[in-house]
Protein backbone atom coordinates (compact mmCIF):
# COMPACT_ATOMS: atom_id res chain seq x y z
CA MET A 1 0.91 -19.29 9.17
CA SER A 2 -2.02 -20.73 11.15
CA GLY A 3 -2.95 -18.46 14.04
CA TRP A 4 -0.22 -15.93 13.19
CA SER A 5 -0.49 -12.74 15.24
CA THR A 6 1.57 -9.71 16.20
CA ARG A 7 3.32 -11.88 18.81
CA ASP A 8 4.97 -13.70 15.89
CA ILE A 9 6.54 -10.60 14.32
CA PRO A 10 10.32 -11.09 14.43
CA ASP A 11 12.51 -8.54 16.18
CA GLN A 12 12.80 -5.45 13.99
CA SER A 13 15.63 -3.72 15.85
CA GLY A 14 17.98 -1.88 13.53
CA ARG A 15 15.48 -1.88 10.67
CA THR A 16 13.93 1.21 9.06
CA ALA A 17 10.39 1.16 7.68
CA VAL A 18 8.36 3.71 5.71
CA VAL A 19 4.58 3.29 5.94
CA THR A 20 2.37 5.47 3.76
CA GLY A 21 -1.00 6.60 5.06
CA ALA A 22 0.08 5.77 8.60
CA ASN A 23 -1.96 8.37 10.46
CA SER A 24 -5.00 6.09 10.84
CA GLY A 25 -6.50 2.68 10.16
CA LEU A 26 -4.38 -0.12 8.74
CA GLY A 27 -1.35 2.08 8.21
CA TYR A 28 -1.30 3.29 11.79
CA VAL A 29 -1.58 -0.24 13.17
CA THR A 30 1.18 -1.41 10.83
CA ALA A 31 3.50 1.41 11.92
CA ARG A 32 2.71 0.88 15.61
CA GLU A 33 3.36 -2.86 15.59
CA LEU A 34 6.62 -2.47 13.68
CA ALA A 35 7.72 0.16 16.21
CA ARG A 36 6.77 -2.12 19.09
CA LYS A 37 9.17 -4.68 17.67
CA GLY A 38 12.01 -2.19 17.54
CA ALA A 39 11.87 -0.74 14.01
CA ARG A 40 12.54 2.88 13.25
CA VAL A 41 9.26 3.89 11.59
CA VAL A 42 8.57 6.81 9.28
CA LEU A 43 4.88 7.74 9.11
CA ALA A 44 4.46 9.16 5.60
CA CYS A 45 1.19 11.11 5.62
CA ARG A 46 -0.46 13.89 3.65
CA SER A 47 -1.74 15.88 6.64
CA GLU A 48 0.94 17.28 8.91
CA THR A 49 -1.54 17.76 11.76
CA ARG A 50 -2.88 14.19 11.63
CA GLY A 51 0.57 12.76 10.98
CA ARG A 52 2.14 14.42 14.01
CA GLU A 53 -0.83 13.48 16.18
CA ALA A 54 -0.40 9.86 15.04
CA VAL A 55 3.28 9.90 16.01
CA GLU A 56 2.41 11.14 19.51
CA ARG A 57 -0.34 8.54 19.86
CA LEU A 58 2.02 5.82 18.66
CA ARG A 59 4.71 6.83 21.14
CA GLY A 60 2.11 6.63 23.90
CA GLU A 61 1.04 3.13 22.86
CA ALA A 62 4.53 1.78 22.09
CA SER A 63 6.93 2.70 24.86
CA GLY A 64 10.30 3.82 23.55
CA ALA A 65 9.13 3.83 19.93
CA ASP A 66 11.42 5.39 17.32
CA ALA A 67 8.85 7.06 15.09
CA GLU A 68 8.73 10.23 13.04
CA PHE A 69 6.40 12.04 10.65
CA ARG A 70 7.36 12.96 7.09
CA ARG A 71 4.92 14.72 4.79
CA LEU A 72 3.94 12.83 1.64
CA ASP A 73 1.07 13.62 -0.71
CA LEU A 74 0.71 10.76 -3.19
CA ALA A 75 -1.65 12.89 -5.28
CA ASP A 76 1.25 15.21 -6.13
CA LEU A 77 4.37 13.85 -7.84
CA ALA A 78 6.34 16.88 -6.69
CA SER A 79 5.60 15.89 -3.09
CA VAL A 80 6.76 12.32 -3.83
CA ARG A 81 9.97 13.69 -5.32
CA GLU A 82 10.57 15.97 -2.31
CA PHE A 83 9.90 13.15 0.17
CA ALA A 84 12.43 10.88 -1.51
CA ALA A 85 15.00 13.66 -1.82
CA ARG A 86 14.84 14.30 1.93
CA ALA A 87 15.04 10.60 2.79
CA SER A 88 18.66 10.28 3.87
CA TYR A 89 18.40 6.70 5.08
CA GLU A 90 21.55 4.69 5.64
CA ARG A 91 19.29 1.72 5.05
CA LEU A 92 15.67 1.20 4.08
CA ASP A 93 14.46 -2.25 5.02
CA LEU A 94 10.76 -1.92 4.38
CA LEU A 95 8.42 0.19 2.28
CA VAL A 96 4.72 -0.42 2.96
CA ASN A 97 2.62 1.18 0.23
CA ASN A 98 -0.57 1.32 2.27
CA ALA A 99 -2.21 4.70 1.63
CA GLY A 100 -5.22 4.84 -0.65
CA VAL A 101 -8.56 6.35 -1.55
CA MET A 102 -11.71 4.44 -2.35
CA ALA A 103 -14.80 5.04 -4.52
CA LEU A 104 -14.48 8.81 -4.60
CA PRO A 105 -16.41 11.08 -6.98
CA TYR A 106 -14.44 11.78 -10.14
CA GLY A 107 -11.47 14.03 -9.52
CA THR A 108 -7.86 14.42 -10.56
CA THR A 109 -4.49 14.66 -8.86
CA ALA A 110 -2.19 17.66 -9.02
CA ASP A 111 -0.71 16.11 -12.17
CA GLY A 112 -4.06 15.47 -13.87
CA PHE A 113 -4.45 11.73 -13.19
CA GLU A 114 -7.76 10.20 -12.15
CA ILE A 115 -7.58 10.38 -8.35
CA GLN A 116 -7.86 6.67 -7.50
CA PHE A 117 -5.42 5.49 -10.15
CA GLY A 118 -3.15 8.43 -9.38
CA VAL A 119 -2.97 7.93 -5.62
CA ASN A 120 -3.36 4.18 -5.27
CA HIS A 121 -1.00 3.21 -8.06
CA LEU A 122 0.98 6.00 -9.72
CA GLY A 123 1.94 7.75 -6.49
CA HIS A 124 3.25 4.51 -5.02
CA PHE A 125 4.95 3.52 -8.28
CA ALA A 126 6.82 6.83 -8.25
CA LEU A 127 7.66 6.57 -4.54
CA THR A 128 9.00 3.02 -4.86
CA GLY A 129 11.11 3.96 -7.86
CA ARG A 130 12.63 6.96 -6.09
CA LEU A 131 13.43 4.92 -2.97
CA LEU A 132 14.66 1.93 -4.97
CA PRO A 133 18.43 2.62 -4.58
CA ALA A 134 18.12 2.53 -0.77
CA LEU A 135 15.97 -0.59 -0.89
CA LEU A 136 18.34 -2.42 -3.23
CA ALA A 137 21.30 -1.50 -1.03
CA THR A 138 19.69 -3.02 2.08
CA PRO A 139 19.98 -6.81 2.51
CA GLY A 140 16.63 -8.46 3.13
CA ALA A 141 14.57 -5.40 2.17
CA ARG A 142 10.93 -5.65 1.12
CA VAL A 143 8.23 -3.68 -0.66
CA VAL A 144 4.68 -4.52 0.38
CA ASN A 145 1.81 -3.18 -1.73
CA VAL A 146 -1.58 -3.15 -0.04
CA SER A 147 -4.25 -4.18 -2.53
CA SER A 148 -7.82 -5.37 -2.01
CA MET A 149 -10.20 -8.14 -3.01
CA ALA A 150 -11.98 -5.31 -4.80
CA HIS A 151 -9.43 -5.86 -7.57
CA LEU A 152 -12.06 -8.34 -8.80
CA LEU A 153 -14.24 -5.37 -9.78
CA GLY A 154 -12.09 -4.49 -12.73
CA ASN A 155 -9.04 -5.30 -14.80
CA ILE A 156 -7.02 -2.34 -16.02
CA ASP A 157 -7.80 -0.84 -19.41
CA ILE A 158 -4.40 0.12 -20.77
CA ARG A 159 -6.10 2.41 -23.31
CA ASP A 160 -7.99 4.30 -20.60
CA LEU A 161 -5.96 4.14 -17.38
CA ASN A 162 -7.39 7.44 -16.18
CA SER A 163 -11.04 6.48 -16.81
CA GLU A 164 -11.50 9.41 -19.18
CA GLN A 165 -13.90 7.56 -21.46
CA ARG A 166 -16.26 6.52 -18.70
CA TYR A 167 -15.97 6.88 -14.94
CA ARG A 168 -17.54 4.48 -12.49
CA ARG A 169 -16.14 4.95 -9.03
CA TRP A 170 -16.11 1.29 -7.96
CA THR A 171 -14.76 0.09 -11.28
CA ALA A 172 -12.01 2.69 -11.07
CA TYR A 173 -11.21 1.58 -7.54
CA GLY A 174 -11.05 -2.06 -8.61
CA ARG A 175 -8.76 -1.17 -11.48
CA SER A 176 -6.41 0.72 -9.15
CA LYS A 177 -6.23 -2.34 -6.88
CA THR A 178 -5.55 -4.56 -9.89
CA ALA A 179 -2.77 -2.12 -10.76
CA ASN A 180 -1.27 -2.66 -7.29
CA LEU A 181 -1.08 -6.40 -7.94
CA LEU A 182 0.22 -6.05 -11.49
CA PHE A 183 2.87 -3.65 -10.21
CA THR A 184 3.88 -6.20 -7.58
CA HIS A 185 4.01 -8.96 -10.19
CA GLU A 186 6.11 -6.99 -12.65
CA LEU A 187 8.41 -5.58 -9.96
CA ALA A 188 9.03 -9.10 -8.64
CA ARG A 189 9.76 -10.34 -12.17
CA ARG A 190 12.23 -7.53 -12.85
CA LEU A 191 13.97 -7.97 -9.50
CA ALA A 192 14.41 -11.67 -10.21
CA ALA A 193 15.79 -10.94 -13.68
CA ALA A 194 18.31 -8.53 -12.14
CA GLY A 195 19.32 -11.02 -9.45
CA ALA A 196 18.27 -8.58 -6.72
CA GLY A 197 17.45 -9.72 -3.19
CA LEU A 198 14.65 -7.18 -2.68
CA VAL A 199 11.29 -8.94 -2.19
CA ALA A 200 8.09 -7.42 -3.65
CA ALA A 201 4.90 -8.82 -2.13
CA ALA A 202 1.27 -7.81 -1.72
CA ALA A 203 -1.40 -8.09 0.95
CA HIS A 204 -5.04 -7.20 1.55
CA PRO A 205 -7.07 -6.69 4.75
CA GLY A 206 -10.27 -8.49 3.83
CA TYR A 207 -13.17 -6.46 5.19
CA ALA A 208 -11.69 -4.22 7.87
CA ALA A 209 -13.37 -1.26 9.53
CA THR A 210 -11.50 1.92 8.63
CA ASN A 211 -12.47 5.43 7.55
CA LEU A 212 -11.67 4.48 3.94
CA GLN A 213 -15.17 3.09 3.36
CA THR A 214 -16.97 6.26 4.41
CA ALA A 215 -14.74 8.84 2.73
CA GLY A 216 -16.47 8.76 -0.67
CA VAL A 217 -20.06 9.06 0.54
CA ARG A 218 -19.05 11.65 3.14
CA ALA A 219 -17.42 13.77 0.43
CA GLU A 220 -20.77 13.91 -1.36
CA GLY A 221 -22.80 14.59 1.78
CA ARG A 222 -24.72 11.32 1.43
CA ARG A 223 -25.58 10.84 5.10
CA ALA A 224 -27.86 7.82 4.62
CA ALA A 225 -25.20 5.97 2.63
CA GLU A 226 -22.55 6.92 5.16
CA ARG A 227 -24.71 5.55 7.98
CA PHE A 228 -25.25 2.32 6.03
CA VAL A 229 -21.50 1.85 5.63
CA GLU A 230 -20.93 2.58 9.31
CA ILE A 231 -23.42 -0.13 10.27
CA GLY A 232 -21.67 -2.60 7.96
CA ASN A 233 -18.33 -1.74 9.54
CA ARG A 234 -19.73 -2.21 13.03
CA PHE A 235 -21.43 -5.56 12.54
CA PHE A 236 -19.58 -7.32 9.72
CA ALA A 237 -16.04 -5.97 9.45
CA GLN A 238 -13.05 -7.05 11.46
CA SER A 239 -11.03 -4.43 13.30
CA ALA A 240 -8.24 -2.40 11.76
CA ALA A 241 -5.85 -4.28 14.06
CA ALA A 242 -6.97 -7.60 12.55
CA GLY A 243 -7.02 -6.17 9.03
CA ALA A 244 -3.39 -5.08 9.32
CA LEU A 245 -2.16 -8.60 10.11
CA PRO A 246 -1.75 -9.70 6.44
CA THR A 247 0.35 -6.59 5.76
CA LEU A 248 2.47 -7.21 8.84
CA TYR A 249 2.92 -10.84 7.81
CA ALA A 250 4.00 -9.88 4.30
CA ALA A 251 6.36 -7.29 5.78
CA THR A 252 8.07 -9.43 8.41
CA ALA A 253 7.46 -13.18 8.18
CA PRO A 254 10.59 -15.08 7.11
CA ASP A 255 8.91 -17.30 4.49
CA VAL A 256 7.28 -14.58 2.34
CA ARG A 257 7.94 -15.18 -1.34
CA PRO A 258 8.14 -12.64 -4.17
CA ASP A 259 4.78 -11.80 -5.78
CA SER A 260 2.87 -13.51 -2.96
CA PHE A 261 -0.56 -12.21 -1.95
CA THR A 262 -1.52 -12.51 1.72
CA GLY A 263 -4.99 -11.96 3.13
CA PRO A 264 -7.35 -13.17 5.85
CA SER A 265 -7.83 -16.94 6.05
CA VAL A 266 -11.63 -17.13 6.41
CA THR A 267 -13.17 -16.71 2.95
CA MET A 268 -10.58 -13.96 2.35
CA TRP A 269 -12.78 -11.80 4.63
CA ARG A 270 -11.40 -12.14 8.16
CA GLY A 271 -9.07 -14.24 10.29
CA ALA A 272 -5.35 -14.92 10.53
CA PRO A 273 -3.08 -14.26 7.52
CA ALA A 274 -3.04 -16.87 4.76
CA PRO A 275 -2.19 -17.12 1.05
CA SER A 276 -4.97 -15.38 -0.84
CA TRP A 277 -6.55 -16.13 -4.19
CA ARG A 278 -6.16 -13.45 -6.86
CA ALA A 279 -7.63 -12.92 -10.30
CA PRO A 280 -5.60 -14.44 -13.16
CA TRP A 281 -5.27 -11.06 -14.85
CA THR A 282 -3.06 -9.86 -11.97
CA ARG A 283 -0.35 -12.31 -13.09
CA ASP A 284 -0.46 -11.37 -16.75
CA ASP A 285 3.13 -10.67 -17.85
CA ARG A 286 2.11 -8.66 -20.89
CA ALA A 287 -0.29 -6.47 -18.92
CA GLY A 288 2.38 -5.99 -16.27
CA ARG A 289 4.90 -4.80 -18.84
CA LEU A 290 2.41 -2.42 -20.48
CA LEU A 291 1.32 -0.94 -17.14
CA TRP A 292 4.96 -0.51 -16.13
CA ALA A 293 5.83 1.30 -19.34
CA GLU A 294 2.84 3.63 -19.03
CA SER A 295 3.57 4.25 -15.36
CA GLU A 296 7.13 5.28 -16.19
CA ARG A 297 5.86 7.56 -18.96
CA LEU A 298 3.17 9.19 -16.81
CA THR A 299 5.30 9.70 -13.70
CA GLY A 300 8.67 10.27 -15.33
CA VAL A 301 10.21 7.85 -12.82
CA MET A 302 12.51 5.23 -14.33
CA TYR A 303 13.68 2.15 -12.45
CA GLU A 304 17.37 2.14 -13.36
CA GLY A 305 18.85 -1.33 -13.41
CA LEU A 306 15.50 -3.07 -13.68
CA ASP A 307 14.94 -3.24 -17.40
CA GLY A 308 13.12 -6.56 -17.11
CA GLU A 309 15.21 -8.34 -19.72
């Protein structure tokens, strides 16, 4: 893994990948590099304008790329259902659950879920479940959930998943990123119990400069805070291209194991991909089962054939 870069991505010809939130930042880089290696890439984005612009930009940067836009709003379970219903893939080799929101003022999704938990976890839980038959039918397929070291900011509270009792934006963000890791853990456990070959893994970008950091303060019109974040991105963060490397490693490297967590090698902040430390609560079997059950109840999406027994 030492010094791993995009040059080490294996040939992806004949493979199909769905990348959520692929119109910018880490998701765009992930989609572009997969396309450069020959994958057919679906950019699953909320904004049709930005999604189509990203496809054109990608085709300009990756000659001969096979890329397309499909609309997906993870804050609306009806949109997730429609996306999956229109996905007539003969094979689905890779699902990269990358899209997310961070530290936003309190708000809710179309279905009434707290926005960060709803988008970052529940939307991706529902999407993965609806695409599961295609993933299970494809030899060597993977699901990669993009989490964050911010999962250290908070363990989930199974009694208050939607932060209705008390909302703190960074705590809620941390809990949603913990949910990503618990989802990965429980999905990997259930796949193993079912004898399935699908690999569920997770990754994080360290501190990478994207528009994710400024979205919350910009939404509130806090110009001074937005400027502060921009300065931090400029002087301390690694690029989005570098931040996407752990995701690309988890998605393509041949030695990736189920429930692994890949991040930057230098203090989990920057550098080449490496195994990353994670909080013990993200490997808690009981918490994983409880979150799974609640996620099925809240989304109405059941993972048939993966009962976990």
